[in-house]
Amino acid sequence: MSDPNGGWRMAKGRLTGLGAWACLLLLLAAGALLGGCGDAAPRLAKGEPTPAFTLDALTGAPVAFPADLAGQVVAVRFWADWCPFCEGEMRTLEPVYRAYRNQGLRLLAINVRQDRKTAAAFIAPLGISYEVLLDTDGAVARAYGVSGLPTTFFLDRQGRLAARILGESTPEVFERVIKDLL
């Protein structure tokens, strides 16, 4: 029997056929890209200092956290070009970033395990002004316990974890979190 949905079928609330296999492969690929086999992801606790890192920006200049961002509220977003939610979210967060950057907000968009050319091609049409960093080997994503994209960590002015959003965020939620920290 022909499937008009191209292999995606629902049967009694369950994804079957090609759709189930596609979802499984996507989850396995994401796990391999982000964590690796057998690695238990660290769980950062609210109020605790977050891991320090130094990454190259898309522009080439290194950015060191927390040294270069001392005293600022920092939103650290992990993303990749294959993430279906990352592009839209990155665009919608731009106006929020512009509204609060002069009050001490820094937004770091960390590309996970992709090269500079791939990240630059994805970012170019977005028109964002916040910093894009390259975590080409995924070490920073692993240190933060990232297990899916997008994931955003909100760090207070002392570099401690204040909040985390797993998955896509809205500008309203993002703004509500940062207003409490600023």
C-alpha atoms as a PDB file:
ATOM      1  CA  MET A   1       0.000   0.000   0.000  1.00  0.00           C
ATOM      2  CA  SER A   2       1.314   3.439  -0.918  1.00  0.00           C
ATOM      3  CA  ASP A   3       2.103   5.853   1.925  1.00  0.00           C
ATOM      4  CA  PRO A   4       1.193   9.482   1.030  1.00  0.00           C
ATOM      5  CA  ASN A   5       3.398  10.758   3.857  1.00  0.00           C
ATOM      6  CA  GLY A   6       6.608   9.412   2.325  1.00  0.00           C
ATOM      7  CA  GLY A   7       7.107   6.697   4.938  1.00  0.00           C
ATOM      8  CA  TRP A   8       5.979   8.656   8.029  1.00  0.00           C
ATOM      9  CA  ARG A   9       2.981   6.886   9.537  1.00  0.00           C
ATOM     10  CA  MET A  10       1.231   7.048  12.854  1.00  0.00           C
ATOM     11  CA  ALA A  11      -0.274   3.853  14.231  1.00  0.00           C
ATOM     12  CA  LYS A  12      -2.178   4.131  17.503  1.00  0.00           C
ATOM     13  CA  GLY A  13      -0.099   7.114  18.587  1.00  0.00           C
ATOM     14  CA  ARG A  14       3.251   5.591  17.563  1.00  0.00           C
ATOM     15  CA  LEU A  15       5.550   6.589  14.751  1.00  0.00           C
ATOM     16  CA  THR A  16       6.110   3.615  12.462  1.00  0.00           C
ATOM     17  CA  GLY A  17       7.813   2.781   9.200  1.00  0.00           C
ATOM     18  CA  LEU A  18      10.567   4.961   7.831  1.00  0.00           C
ATOM     19  CA  GLY A  19       9.717   7.761  10.273  1.00  0.00           C
ATOM     20  CA  ALA A  20      10.624   5.658  13.293  1.00  0.00           C
ATOM     21  CA  TRP A  21      13.926   4.667  11.731  1.00  0.00           C
ATOM     22  CA  ALA A  22      14.681   8.268  10.740  1.00  0.00           C
ATOM     23  CA  CYS A  23      14.037   9.466  14.298  1.00  0.00           C
ATOM     24  CA  LEU A  24      16.227   6.722  15.725  1.00  0.00           C
ATOM     25  CA  LEU A  25      19.068   7.536  13.333  1.00  0.00           C
ATOM     26  CA  LEU A  26      18.783  11.266  14.136  1.00  0.00           C
ATOM     27  CA  LEU A  27      18.999  10.557  17.867  1.00  0.00           C
ATOM     28  CA  LEU A  28      21.987   8.258  17.395  1.00  0.00           C
ATOM     29  CA  ALA A  29      23.754  10.805  15.194  1.00  0.00           C
ATOM     30  CA  ALA A  30      23.148  13.590  17.705  1.00  0.00           C
ATOM     31  CA  GLY A  31      24.481  11.417  20.523  1.00  0.00           C
ATOM     32  CA  ALA A  32      27.589  10.559  18.545  1.00  0.00           C
ATOM     33  CA  LEU A  33      28.181  14.212  17.673  1.00  0.00           C
ATOM     34  CA  LEU A  34      27.602  15.561  21.145  1.00  0.00           C
ATOM     35  CA  GLY A  35      28.633  12.937  23.646  1.00  0.00           C
ATOM     36  CA  GLY A  36      30.289   9.876  22.254  1.00  0.00           C
ATOM     37  CA  CYS A  37      29.847   6.319  23.378  1.00  0.00           C
ATOM     38  CA  GLY A  38      29.829   5.607  27.076  1.00  0.00           C
ATOM     39  CA  ASP A  39      30.426   9.189  28.193  1.00  0.00           C
ATOM     40  CA  ALA A  40      28.097  10.254  30.979  1.00  0.00           C
ATOM     41  CA  ALA A  41      27.166  13.894  30.450  1.00  0.00           C
ATOM     42  CA  PRO A  42      28.013  16.078  33.438  1.00  0.00           C
ATOM     43  CA  ARG A  43      25.053  17.722  35.090  1.00  0.00           C
ATOM     44  CA  LEU A  44      25.688  21.357  35.987  1.00  0.00           C
ATOM     45  CA  ALA A  45      23.899  22.463  39.141  1.00  0.00           C
ATOM     46  CA  LYS A  46      22.088  25.773  39.524  1.00  0.00           C
ATOM     47  CA  GLY A  47      24.199  28.265  41.471  1.00  0.00           C
ATOM     48  CA  GLU A  48      27.484  26.471  40.715  1.00  0.00           C
ATOM     49  CA  PRO A  49      30.320  27.935  38.611  1.00  0.00           C
ATOM     50  CA  THR A  50      30.261  26.762  35.009  1.00  0.00           C
ATOM     51  CA  PRO A  51      33.238  25.356  33.099  1.00  0.00           C
ATOM     52  CA  ALA A  52      35.765  27.860  31.785  1.00  0.00           C
ATOM     53  CA  PHE A  53      36.632  27.762  28.093  1.00  0.00           C
ATOM     54  CA  THR A  54      38.453  29.599  25.337  1.00  0.00           C
ATOM     55  CA  LEU A  55      37.058  29.310  21.819  1.00  0.00           C
ATOM     56  CA  ASP A  56      37.738  31.085  18.563  1.00  0.00           C
ATOM     57  CA  ALA A  57      35.015  33.405  17.347  1.00  0.00           C
ATOM     58  CA  LEU A  58      33.826  33.120  13.774  1.00  0.00           C
ATOM     59  CA  THR A  59      35.766  36.345  13.214  1.00  0.00           C
ATOM     60  CA  GLY A  60      38.957  34.583  14.355  1.00  0.00           C
ATOM     61  CA  ALA A  61      39.521  36.294  17.721  1.00  0.00           C
ATOM     62  CA  PRO A  62      39.567  34.023  20.786  1.00  0.00           C
ATOM     63  CA  VAL A  63      36.976  34.525  23.518  1.00  0.00           C
ATOM     64  CA  ALA A  64      37.802  33.319  27.029  1.00  0.00           C
ATOM     65  CA  PHE A  65      35.067  32.627  29.551  1.00  0.00           C
ATOM     66  CA  PRO A  66      34.914  33.807  32.280  1.00  0.00           C
ATOM     67  CA  ALA A  67      37.983  36.079  31.931  1.00  0.00           C
ATOM     68  CA  ASP A  68      36.715  38.163  28.972  1.00  0.00           C
ATOM     69  CA  LEU A  69      33.151  38.360  30.271  1.00  0.00           C
ATOM     70  CA  ALA A  70      33.642  39.128  33.963  1.00  0.00           C
ATOM     71  CA  GLY A  71      30.719  40.928  35.558  1.00  0.00           C
ATOM     72  CA  GLN A  72      28.323  40.331  32.671  1.00  0.00           C
ATOM     73  CA  VAL A  73      25.235  38.173  32.326  1.00  0.00           C
ATOM     74  CA  VAL A  74      26.069  35.546  29.724  1.00  0.00           C
ATOM     75  CA  ALA A  75      23.702  33.411  27.662  1.00  0.00           C
ATOM     76  CA  VAL A  76      25.574  30.468  26.143  1.00  0.00           C
ATOM     77  CA  ARG A  77      23.661  28.848  23.257  1.00  0.00           C
ATOM     78  CA  PHE A  78      24.804  25.614  21.651  1.00  0.00           C
ATOM     79  CA  TRP A  79      23.722  25.048  18.045  1.00  0.00           C
ATOM     80  CA  ALA A  80      24.536  23.408  14.690  1.00  0.00           C
ATOM     81  CA  ASP A  81      23.318  23.965  11.131  1.00  0.00           C
ATOM     82  CA  TRP A  82      21.477  20.619  11.074  1.00  0.00           C
ATOM     83  CA  CYS A  83      19.348  21.613  14.092  1.00  0.00           C
ATOM     84  CA  PRO A  84      15.784  22.253  12.826  1.00  0.00           C
ATOM     85  CA  PHE A  85      15.049  24.884  15.505  1.00  0.00           C
ATOM     86  CA  CYS A  86      18.336  26.782  15.657  1.00  0.00           C
ATOM     87  CA  GLU A  87      17.917  29.135  12.699  1.00  0.00           C
ATOM     88  CA  GLY A  88      14.539  30.532  13.692  1.00  0.00           C
ATOM     89  CA  GLU A  89      15.503  30.843  17.324  1.00  0.00           C
ATOM     90  CA  MET A  90      18.752  32.642  16.507  1.00  0.00           C
ATOM     91  CA  ARG A  91      16.852  35.228  14.452  1.00  0.00           C
ATOM     92  CA  THR A  92      14.164  35.825  17.065  1.00  0.00           C
ATOM     93  CA  LEU A  93      16.710  36.291  19.861  1.00  0.00           C
ATOM     94  CA  GLU A  94      18.525  39.090  18.026  1.00  0.00           C
ATOM     95  CA  PRO A  95      16.084  41.884  19.028  1.00  0.00           C
ATOM     96  CA  VAL A  96      16.194  40.732  22.657  1.00  0.00           C
ATOM     97  CA  TYR A  97      19.999  40.768  22.586  1.00  0.00           C
ATOM     98  CA  ARG A  98      20.042  44.273  21.073  1.00  0.00           C
ATOM     99  CA  ALA A  99      17.629  45.544  23.727  1.00  0.00           C
ATOM    100  CA  TYR A 100      19.780  44.313  26.637  1.00  0.00           C
ATOM    101  CA  ARG A 101      23.403  44.263  25.461  1.00  0.00           C
ATOM    102  CA  ASN A 102      24.079  47.741  26.854  1.00  0.00           C
ATOM    103  CA  GLN A 103      22.881  46.540  30.266  1.00  0.00           C
ATOM    104  CA  GLY A 104      25.564  43.846  30.449  1.00  0.00           C
ATOM    105  CA  LEU A 105      24.139  40.954  28.422  1.00  0.00           C
ATOM    106  CA  ARG A 106      26.495  38.853  26.289  1.00  0.00           C
ATOM    107  CA  LEU A 107      25.110  36.172  24.018  1.00  0.00           C
ATOM    108  CA  LEU A 108      27.534  33.488  22.842  1.00  0.00           C
ATOM    109  CA  ALA A 109      26.257  31.216  20.081  1.00  0.00           C
ATOM    110  CA  ILE A 110      28.553  28.187  20.200  1.00  0.00           C
ATOM    111  CA  ASN A 111      28.563  26.041  17.083  1.00  0.00           C
ATOM    112  CA  VAL A 112      29.107  22.388  17.989  1.00  0.00           C
ATOM    113  CA  ARG A 113      31.458  20.175  15.974  1.00  0.00           C
ATOM    114  CA  GLN A 114      31.333  21.984  12.659  1.00  0.00           C
ATOM    115  CA  ASP A 115      34.037  23.839  10.779  1.00  0.00           C
ATOM    116  CA  ARG A 116      34.308  27.606  10.282  1.00  0.00           C
ATOM    117  CA  LYS A 117      33.056  27.467   6.670  1.00  0.00           C
ATOM    118  CA  THR A 118      29.886  25.547   7.601  1.00  0.00           C
ATOM    119  CA  ALA A 119      29.111  27.822  10.555  1.00  0.00           C
ATOM    120  CA  ALA A 120      29.777  30.984   8.539  1.00  0.00           C
ATOM    121  CA  ALA A 121      27.510  29.867   5.683  1.00  0.00           C
ATOM    122  CA  PHE A 122      24.690  29.241   8.151  1.00  0.00           C
ATOM    123  CA  ILE A 123      25.157  32.516  10.063  1.00  0.00           C
ATOM    124  CA  ALA A 124      25.632  34.885   7.102  1.00  0.00           C
ATOM    125  CA  PRO A 125      21.948  35.302   6.144  1.00  0.00           C
ATOM    126  CA  LEU A 126      20.716  35.561   9.755  1.00  0.00           C
ATOM    127  CA  GLY A 127      21.826  39.151  10.406  1.00  0.00           C
ATOM    128  CA  ILE A 128      22.798  38.544  14.021  1.00  0.00           C
ATOM    129  CA  SER A 129      25.159  40.798  15.953  1.00  0.00           C
ATOM    130  CA  TYR A 130      26.008  38.526  18.878  1.00  0.00           C
ATOM    131  CA  GLU A 131      29.170  36.443  18.993  1.00  0.00           C
ATOM    132  CA  VAL A 132      29.461  33.098  17.242  1.00  0.00           C
ATOM    133  CA  LEU A 133      32.095  30.747  18.643  1.00  0.00           C
ATOM    134  CA  LEU A 134      33.448  27.471  17.264  1.00  0.00           C
ATOM    135  CA  ASP A 135      33.573  24.335  19.425  1.00  0.00           C
ATOM    136  CA  THR A 136      35.003  22.235  16.599  1.00  0.00           C
ATOM    137  CA  ASP A 137      35.784  19.167  18.715  1.00  0.00           C
ATOM    138  CA  GLY A 138      32.700  19.416  20.949  1.00  0.00           C
ATOM    139  CA  ALA A 139      34.755  19.616  24.159  1.00  0.00           C
ATOM    140  CA  VAL A 140      32.870  22.623  25.558  1.00  0.00           C
ATOM    141  CA  ALA A 141      29.478  21.087  24.725  1.00  0.00           C
ATOM    142  CA  ARG A 142      30.541  17.915  26.562  1.00  0.00           C
ATOM    143  CA  ALA A 143      31.806  19.925  29.557  1.00  0.00           C
ATOM    144  CA  TYR A 144      28.398  21.616  29.788  1.00  0.00           C
ATOM    145  CA  GLY A 145      26.544  18.310  29.441  1.00  0.00           C
ATOM    146  CA  VAL A 146      24.788  19.255  26.208  1.00  0.00           C
ATOM    147  CA  SER A 147      22.767  16.320  24.928  1.00  0.00           C
ATOM    148  CA  GLY A 148      20.594  18.037  22.315  1.00  0.00           C
ATOM    149  CA  LEU A 149      20.422  21.222  20.286  1.00  0.00           C
ATOM    150  CA  PRO A 150      19.605  23.955  20.822  1.00  0.00           C
ATOM    151  CA  THR A 151      20.495  24.237  24.501  1.00  0.00           C
ATOM    152  CA  THR A 152      20.952  27.551  26.307  1.00  0.00           C
ATOM    153  CA  PHE A 153      22.668  28.206  29.640  1.00  0.00           C
ATOM    154  CA  PHE A 154      22.163  31.491  31.489  1.00  0.00           C
ATOM    155  CA  LEU A 155      25.076  32.524  33.684  1.00  0.00           C
ATOM    156  CA  ASP A 156      24.895  35.251  36.307  1.00  0.00           C
ATOM    157  CA  ARG A 157      27.462  38.045  36.675  1.00  0.00           C
ATOM    158  CA  GLN A 158      29.667  35.713  38.759  1.00  0.00           C
ATOM    159  CA  GLY A 159      29.678  32.983  36.086  1.00  0.00           C
ATOM    160  CA  ARG A 160      27.320  30.683  37.999  1.00  0.00           C
ATOM    161  CA  LEU A 161      24.539  28.724  36.340  1.00  0.00           C
ATOM    162  CA  ALA A 162      21.246  30.553  36.840  1.00  0.00           C
ATOM    163  CA  ALA A 163      18.973  28.768  34.354  1.00  0.00           C
ATOM    164  CA  ARG A 164      18.974  26.372  31.414  1.00  0.00           C
ATOM    165  CA  ILE A 165      16.650  25.899  28.446  1.00  0.00           C
ATOM    166  CA  LEU A 166      16.713  22.543  26.698  1.00  0.00           C
ATOM    167  CA  GLY A 167      15.364  22.895  23.182  1.00  0.00           C
ATOM    168  CA  GLU A 168      13.902  25.869  21.409  1.00  0.00           C
ATOM    169  CA  SER A 169      13.160  29.034  23.340  1.00  0.00           C
ATOM    170  CA  THR A 170      10.894  31.960  22.621  1.00  0.00           C
ATOM    171  CA  PRO A 171      12.024  35.581  22.837  1.00  0.00           C
ATOM    172  CA  GLU A 172       9.580  36.079  25.727  1.00  0.00           C
ATOM    173  CA  VAL A 173      11.063  33.264  27.819  1.00  0.00           C
ATOM    174  CA  PHE A 174      14.618  34.327  26.980  1.00  0.00           C
ATOM    175  CA  GLU A 175      13.846  37.920  27.967  1.00  0.00           C
ATOM    176  CA  ARG A 176      12.154  36.906  31.227  1.00  0.00           C
ATOM    177  CA  VAL A 177      15.232  34.912  32.304  1.00  0.00           C
ATOM    178  CA  ILE A 178      17.768  37.620  31.465  1.00  0.00           C
ATOM    179  CA  LYS A 179      15.717  40.457  33.026  1.00  0.00           C
ATOM    180  CA  ASP A 180      15.875  38.650  36.351  1.00  0.00           C
ATOM    181  CA  LEU A 181      19.681  38.400  36.040  1.00  0.00           C
ATOM    182  CA  LEU A 182      20.358  41.940  34.837  1.00  0.00           C
END
